[in-house]
Amino acid sequence: MGSELGRRIGKQGTSTRWMKTREGRSKPRESFSSTAVPLKTRSTTAGEGSSRSATTARAVGDGASTALLREGAAVSVLFLTLRFVRSWRSAWTLRHFNKSTKMEGTVFAGALEGMKVVKSEQGEILSQPFLDVCKQILPVIDKFGAAMTLVKSDIGGNISRLESKYSINPSKFNHLYSLVQTEVESNTAKSSSSCTNGLLWLTRAMDFLVALFRNLIEHEDWSMSQACTDSYNKTLKKWHGWLASSSFTVAMKLAPDRKKFMDVISGSGDITADIESFCRNFSPLLEENHKFLARFGLDEMKAS
């Protein structure tokens, strides 16, 4: 019994000393509960958890990067496709007009025909026929390409504004200046969204185009950029602010080759004769517009 007691005390003393030398960093095997996880197992489990988290994070990061790369590639492909389509369309247009199907007459044929009915028997400019003539010039502007994007947008927008008002009551607004007269009477003529403002800027844009067309037939040695810039300086520039003038200057760098442009708009007709006829007959209509607007002090409005 004494030896048994000694063995127990010795065992307890040894266990106590082992715990002291370990300084609490671990516990004797006897002290672990039956449900405890060994230290090595817990460390391994934590390590595996960290490893899985890192792997998941890398997977998420790689997935995001892949998505961004795919999106960037898609945008690049779309951009290149649009450039190709535009280049192909421009090339096809030149071939189409120059080789396969030459248009009957020149691109001015529709406008020249429309000017025959632009005035009433009393000599007043009719709303819809005048706007139709202006619309007939849009195909000419199309042939300028990107250089005339702003001009075409401005002309198209003003035509739409005037047509919208005309369509409300065609009989009341049959004469072009009735669109302005109504706004003068209601004191809304100087509004930036008025038909008066629309007619003014439509007339100014047409002044610019007439000056440009004249330059093309009177100065055969001028480049397209020179012809456009001179026309702009004579007509629109004084009404534009710095931003609009700067935008126009940049746009003129995109002006097409003069010879190719003239070939495209010529069709099977006499382009010089048609340009001269258009300028000769359309200019007086523009002058009438200016005189009418000036009567009400509306011909000097600048871009807002």
Protein backbone atom coordinates (compact mmCIF):
# COMPACT_ATOMS: atom_id res chain seq x y z
CA MET A 1 0.00 0.00 0.00
CA GLY A 2 2.86 2.32 0.82
CA SER A 3 4.55 1.61 -2.47
CA GLU A 4 1.28 2.10 -4.31
CA LEU A 5 0.88 5.49 -2.60
CA GLY A 6 4.43 6.39 -3.50
CA ARG A 7 3.84 5.52 -7.13
CA ARG A 8 0.77 7.73 -7.21
CA ILE A 9 2.59 10.65 -5.57
CA GLY A 10 5.53 10.18 -7.91
CA LYS A 11 3.22 10.14 -10.91
CA GLN A 12 1.42 13.28 -9.68
CA GLY A 13 4.73 15.05 -9.04
CA THR A 14 6.01 14.18 -12.48
CA SER A 15 2.79 15.44 -14.07
CA THR A 16 2.98 18.65 -12.08
CA ARG A 17 6.60 19.26 -13.07
CA TRP A 18 5.77 18.61 -16.76
CA MET A 19 3.01 21.18 -16.65
CA LYS A 20 5.31 23.74 -15.01
CA THR A 21 8.08 23.27 -17.53
CA ARG A 22 5.58 23.69 -20.36
CA GLU A 23 4.28 26.87 -18.66
CA GLY A 24 0.74 26.27 -19.57
CA ARG A 25 1.34 26.10 -23.33
CA SER A 26 -0.22 22.71 -23.37
CA LYS A 27 -1.93 20.40 -20.89
CA PRO A 28 -1.21 16.85 -19.88
CA ARG A 29 -3.06 14.31 -21.92
CA GLU A 30 -5.16 13.39 -18.88
CA SER A 31 -6.66 16.88 -18.69
CA PHE A 32 -8.18 16.92 -22.21
CA SER A 33 -11.86 16.23 -22.45
CA SER A 34 -13.11 13.46 -24.63
CA THR A 35 -14.52 16.00 -27.10
CA ALA A 36 -11.43 18.21 -27.40
CA VAL A 37 -9.55 18.38 -30.71
CA PRO A 38 -5.79 17.77 -30.49
CA LEU A 39 -3.61 20.85 -31.02
CA LYS A 40 -2.02 19.46 -34.15
CA THR A 41 -5.44 18.70 -35.64
CA ARG A 42 -6.73 22.20 -34.86
CA SER A 43 -3.66 23.81 -36.40
CA THR A 44 -4.05 21.70 -39.50
CA THR A 45 -7.74 22.56 -39.75
CA ALA A 46 -7.03 26.31 -39.36
CA GLY A 47 -4.30 26.08 -41.94
CA GLU A 48 -6.58 24.32 -44.37
CA GLY A 49 -9.27 26.95 -43.71
CA SER A 50 -6.83 29.77 -44.43
CA SER A 51 -5.66 27.96 -47.52
CA ARG A 52 -9.22 27.51 -48.75
CA SER A 53 -9.98 31.21 -48.07
CA ALA A 54 -6.90 32.30 -50.01
CA THR A 55 -7.82 29.95 -52.84
CA THR A 56 -11.37 31.33 -52.88
CA ALA A 57 -10.08 34.93 -52.87
CA ARG A 58 -7.75 34.15 -55.75
CA ALA A 59 -10.60 32.50 -57.63
CA VAL A 60 -12.84 35.54 -57.11
CA GLY A 61 -10.03 37.88 -58.14
CA ASP A 62 -9.22 35.78 -61.19
CA GLY A 63 -12.91 35.68 -62.11
CA ALA A 64 -13.25 39.47 -61.84
CA SER A 65 -10.09 39.98 -63.86
CA THR A 66 -11.33 37.56 -66.51
CA ALA A 67 -14.69 39.35 -66.69
CA LEU A 68 -12.98 42.72 -67.11
CA LEU A 69 -10.69 41.34 -69.80
CA ARG A 70 -13.64 39.85 -71.64
CA GLU A 71 -15.57 43.12 -71.38
CA GLY A 72 -12.59 45.12 -72.61
CA ALA A 73 -12.08 42.71 -75.50
CA ALA A 74 -15.77 42.99 -76.44
CA VAL A 75 -15.58 46.80 -76.45
CA SER A 76 -12.44 46.69 -78.59
CA VAL A 77 -14.02 44.31 -81.07
CA LEU A 78 -17.14 46.50 -81.26
CA PHE A 79 -15.04 49.62 -81.83
CA LEU A 80 -13.02 47.97 -84.57
CA THR A 81 -16.19 46.60 -86.16
CA LEU A 82 -17.78 50.06 -86.26
CA ARG A 83 -14.66 51.51 -87.84
CA PHE A 84 -14.66 48.76 -90.44
CA VAL A 85 -18.36 49.26 -91.22
CA ARG A 86 -17.91 53.01 -91.61
CA SER A 87 -14.89 52.59 -93.86
CA TRP A 88 -16.66 49.93 -95.91
CA ARG A 89 -19.79 52.06 -96.20
CA SER A 90 -17.81 55.10 -97.36
CA ALA A 91 -15.95 53.03 -99.93
CA TRP A 92 -19.17 51.40 -101.10
CA THR A 93 -20.86 54.79 -101.44
CA LEU A 94 -18.11 56.10 -103.70
CA ARG A 95 -18.19 52.95 -105.84
CA HIS A 96 -21.97 53.00 -105.90
CA PHE A 97 -22.18 56.52 -107.28
CA ASN A 98 -19.07 56.46 -109.41
CA LYS A 99 -19.43 53.09 -111.09
CA SER A 100 -22.60 51.08 -110.75
CA THR A 101 -25.61 53.39 -110.67
CA LYS A 102 -25.00 56.99 -111.54
CA MET A 103 -27.91 59.08 -110.29
CA GLU A 104 -30.12 60.81 -112.79
CA GLY A 105 -29.01 64.42 -112.79
CA THR A 106 -27.08 65.80 -109.83
CA VAL A 107 -27.78 65.65 -106.12
CA PHE A 108 -29.33 69.15 -106.47
CA ALA A 109 -32.09 67.91 -108.79
CA GLY A 110 -34.69 67.52 -106.02
CA ALA A 111 -34.03 70.96 -104.54
CA LEU A 112 -34.20 72.64 -107.95
CA GLU A 113 -37.53 70.97 -108.65
CA GLY A 114 -38.89 71.93 -105.24
CA MET A 115 -38.07 75.60 -105.66
CA LYS A 116 -40.57 75.82 -108.51
CA VAL A 117 -43.45 75.61 -106.01
CA VAL A 118 -41.92 77.26 -102.95
CA LYS A 119 -43.97 80.44 -103.37
CA SER A 120 -47.72 81.04 -103.53
CA GLU A 121 -49.41 82.88 -106.41
CA GLN A 122 -49.20 86.00 -104.24
CA GLY A 123 -45.44 85.59 -103.95
CA GLU A 124 -45.34 84.47 -100.32
CA ILE A 125 -42.97 81.72 -99.19
CA LEU A 126 -44.94 78.59 -98.29
CA SER A 127 -43.92 76.71 -95.13
CA GLN A 128 -43.82 73.08 -96.23
CA PRO A 129 -42.35 73.63 -99.72
CA PHE A 130 -39.57 75.78 -98.26
CA LEU A 131 -38.76 73.15 -95.64
CA ASP A 132 -38.86 70.45 -98.31
CA VAL A 133 -36.22 72.30 -100.33
CA CYS A 134 -34.03 72.53 -97.23
CA LYS A 135 -34.45 68.79 -96.67
CA GLN A 136 -33.39 68.13 -100.25
CA ILE A 137 -29.99 69.62 -99.37
CA LEU A 138 -29.37 67.08 -96.59
CA PRO A 139 -28.13 64.41 -99.06
CA VAL A 140 -25.49 66.90 -100.23
CA ILE A 141 -24.36 67.42 -96.65
CA ASP A 142 -24.20 63.66 -96.16
CA LYS A 143 -21.45 63.47 -98.77
CA PHE A 144 -19.26 65.72 -96.60
CA GLY A 145 -19.11 62.99 -93.98
CA ALA A 146 -18.00 63.80 -90.41
CA ALA A 147 -16.95 67.36 -91.34
CA MET A 148 -20.59 68.45 -91.57
CA THR A 149 -22.09 66.41 -88.74
CA LEU A 150 -22.81 69.49 -86.60
CA VAL A 151 -24.26 71.47 -89.52
CA LYS A 152 -26.50 68.60 -90.59
CA SER A 153 -27.71 68.06 -87.03
CA ASP A 154 -28.53 71.75 -86.65
CA ILE A 155 -30.38 71.94 -89.97
CA GLY A 156 -32.32 68.74 -89.33
CA GLY A 157 -33.32 69.85 -85.84
CA ASN A 158 -34.60 73.23 -87.00
CA ILE A 159 -36.55 71.71 -89.87
CA SER A 160 -38.21 69.30 -87.43
CA ARG A 161 -39.07 72.14 -85.06
CA LEU A 162 -40.75 74.18 -87.78
CA GLU A 163 -42.55 71.16 -89.25
CA SER A 164 -43.91 70.20 -85.85
CA LYS A 165 -45.47 73.64 -85.40
CA TYR A 166 -46.77 73.65 -88.98
CA SER A 167 -48.43 70.25 -88.56
CA ILE A 168 -50.53 71.53 -85.63
CA ASN A 169 -52.54 73.74 -88.00
CA PRO A 170 -51.38 73.56 -91.66
CA SER A 171 -53.93 76.08 -92.89
CA LYS A 172 -53.03 78.65 -90.22
CA PHE A 173 -49.29 78.19 -90.74
CA ASN A 174 -49.39 77.73 -94.51
CA HIS A 175 -47.16 80.77 -95.00
CA LEU A 176 -43.67 80.50 -93.52
CA TYR A 177 -43.71 83.82 -91.71
CA SER A 178 -46.98 83.03 -89.92
CA LEU A 179 -44.92 80.73 -87.70
CA VAL A 180 -42.91 83.75 -86.61
CA GLN A 181 -45.79 86.23 -86.48
CA THR A 182 -47.64 84.13 -83.90
CA GLU A 183 -44.61 84.11 -81.61
CA VAL A 184 -44.00 87.82 -82.04
CA GLU A 185 -47.55 88.50 -80.88
CA SER A 186 -47.14 86.23 -77.85
CA ASN A 187 -43.68 87.60 -76.97
CA THR A 188 -42.06 84.17 -77.30
CA ALA A 189 -40.08 84.79 -80.48
CA LYS A 190 -36.74 85.22 -78.69
CA SER A 191 -36.98 81.93 -76.84
CA SER A 192 -34.19 79.51 -77.71
CA SER A 193 -36.82 76.86 -78.51
CA SER A 194 -39.02 79.10 -80.65
CA CYS A 195 -39.79 78.59 -84.33
CA THR A 196 -38.41 82.09 -84.90
CA ASN A 197 -35.06 80.95 -83.55
CA GLY A 198 -35.33 77.80 -85.65
CA LEU A 199 -36.01 79.73 -88.85
CA LEU A 200 -33.17 82.16 -88.11
CA TRP A 201 -30.55 79.42 -87.63
CA LEU A 202 -31.89 77.37 -90.52
CA THR A 203 -31.49 80.42 -92.75
CA ARG A 204 -27.96 81.06 -91.48
CA ALA A 205 -26.95 77.45 -92.07
CA MET A 206 -28.28 77.68 -95.61
CA ASP A 207 -26.33 80.95 -96.08
CA PHE A 208 -23.20 79.00 -95.19
CA LEU A 209 -23.98 76.20 -97.65
CA VAL A 210 -24.75 78.59 -100.49
CA ALA A 211 -21.44 80.39 -99.87
CA LEU A 212 -19.67 77.02 -99.82
CA PHE A 213 -21.25 75.86 -103.08
CA ARG A 214 -20.23 79.12 -104.72
CA ASN A 215 -16.67 78.69 -103.52
CA LEU A 216 -16.54 75.22 -105.06
CA ILE A 217 -17.37 76.49 -108.54
CA GLU A 218 -15.61 79.85 -108.35
CA HIS A 219 -12.34 78.70 -106.77
CA GLU A 220 -11.37 75.45 -108.42
CA ASP A 221 -7.86 75.64 -106.96
CA TRP A 222 -9.10 75.71 -103.35
CA SER A 223 -9.09 72.61 -101.19
CA MET A 224 -12.35 71.57 -99.56
CA SER A 225 -11.06 72.79 -96.20
CA GLN A 226 -10.28 76.22 -97.66
CA ALA A 227 -13.70 76.50 -99.27
CA CYS A 228 -15.46 75.53 -96.03
CA THR A 229 -13.42 77.83 -93.81
CA ASP A 230 -13.91 80.85 -96.07
CA SER A 231 -17.68 80.23 -96.21
CA TYR A 232 -17.85 79.86 -92.45
CA ASN A 233 -15.96 83.11 -91.85
CA LYS A 234 -18.36 84.97 -94.14
CA THR A 235 -21.57 83.62 -92.64
CA LEU A 236 -21.76 81.73 -89.35
CA LYS A 237 -18.63 82.74 -87.48
CA LYS A 238 -19.86 86.14 -86.28
CA TRP A 239 -22.89 84.49 -84.69
CA HIS A 240 -20.99 81.73 -82.92
CA GLY A 241 -19.17 81.80 -79.61
CA TRP A 242 -15.67 80.51 -79.02
CA LEU A 243 -16.75 76.91 -78.40
CA ALA A 244 -18.80 76.61 -81.58
CA SER A 245 -16.05 78.22 -83.65
CA SER A 246 -13.43 75.88 -82.21
CA SER A 247 -15.63 72.85 -82.88
CA PHE A 248 -16.08 73.92 -86.49
CA THR A 249 -12.33 74.41 -86.95
CA VAL A 250 -11.70 70.88 -85.72
CA ALA A 251 -14.48 69.47 -87.92
CA MET A 252 -12.98 71.03 -91.03
CA LYS A 253 -9.93 68.84 -90.61
CA LEU A 254 -12.23 65.97 -91.57
CA ALA A 255 -13.36 67.57 -94.84
CA PRO A 256 -13.35 65.08 -97.74
CA ASP A 257 -11.18 65.25 -100.82
CA ARG A 258 -12.61 67.89 -103.13
CA LYS A 259 -12.40 65.90 -106.36
CA LYS A 260 -14.02 62.79 -104.87
CA PHE A 261 -16.77 64.89 -103.35
CA MET A 262 -17.56 66.61 -106.64
CA ASP A 263 -17.59 63.26 -108.45
CA VAL A 264 -20.06 61.83 -105.94
CA ILE A 265 -22.57 64.71 -106.13
CA SER A 266 -22.33 65.13 -109.91
CA GLY A 267 -24.26 62.03 -110.95
CA SER A 268 -25.03 62.15 -114.65
CA GLY A 269 -25.79 65.88 -114.74
CA ASP A 270 -23.92 69.15 -115.04
CA ILE A 271 -22.93 69.84 -111.44
CA THR A 272 -21.57 73.34 -112.13
CA ALA A 273 -24.79 74.44 -113.85
CA ASP A 274 -26.97 72.98 -111.08
CA ILE A 275 -24.95 74.61 -108.30
CA GLU A 276 -25.17 77.97 -110.07
CA SER A 277 -28.93 77.55 -110.54
CA PHE A 278 -29.45 76.54 -106.92
CA CYS A 279 -27.48 79.49 -105.53
CA ARG A 280 -29.15 81.93 -107.90
CA ASN A 281 -32.69 80.87 -107.00
CA PHE A 282 -32.32 79.99 -103.34
CA SER A 283 -30.33 83.02 -102.18
CA PRO A 284 -33.25 85.47 -102.68
CA LEU A 285 -35.44 83.28 -100.42
CA LEU A 286 -32.84 83.44 -97.67
CA GLU A 287 -32.58 87.20 -98.12
CA GLU A 288 -36.35 87.53 -97.69
CA ASN A 289 -36.12 85.59 -94.45
CA HIS A 290 -33.46 87.95 -93.11
CA LYS A 291 -35.48 91.04 -94.05
CA PHE A 292 -38.63 89.73 -92.40
CA LEU A 293 -36.81 88.80 -89.19
CA ALA A 294 -35.02 92.17 -89.15
CA ARG A 295 -38.38 93.98 -89.11
CA PHE A 296 -38.90 92.67 -85.59
CA GLY A 297 -35.29 92.97 -84.47
CA LEU A 298 -34.85 89.20 -84.61
CA ASP A 299 -32.08 88.89 -87.17
CA GLU A 300 -29.21 89.72 -84.82
CA MET A 301 -29.65 87.01 -82.20
CA LYS A 302 -26.49 85.11 -81.36
CA ALA A 303 -25.99 81.57 -80.16
CA SER A 304 -26.97 81.19 -76.51
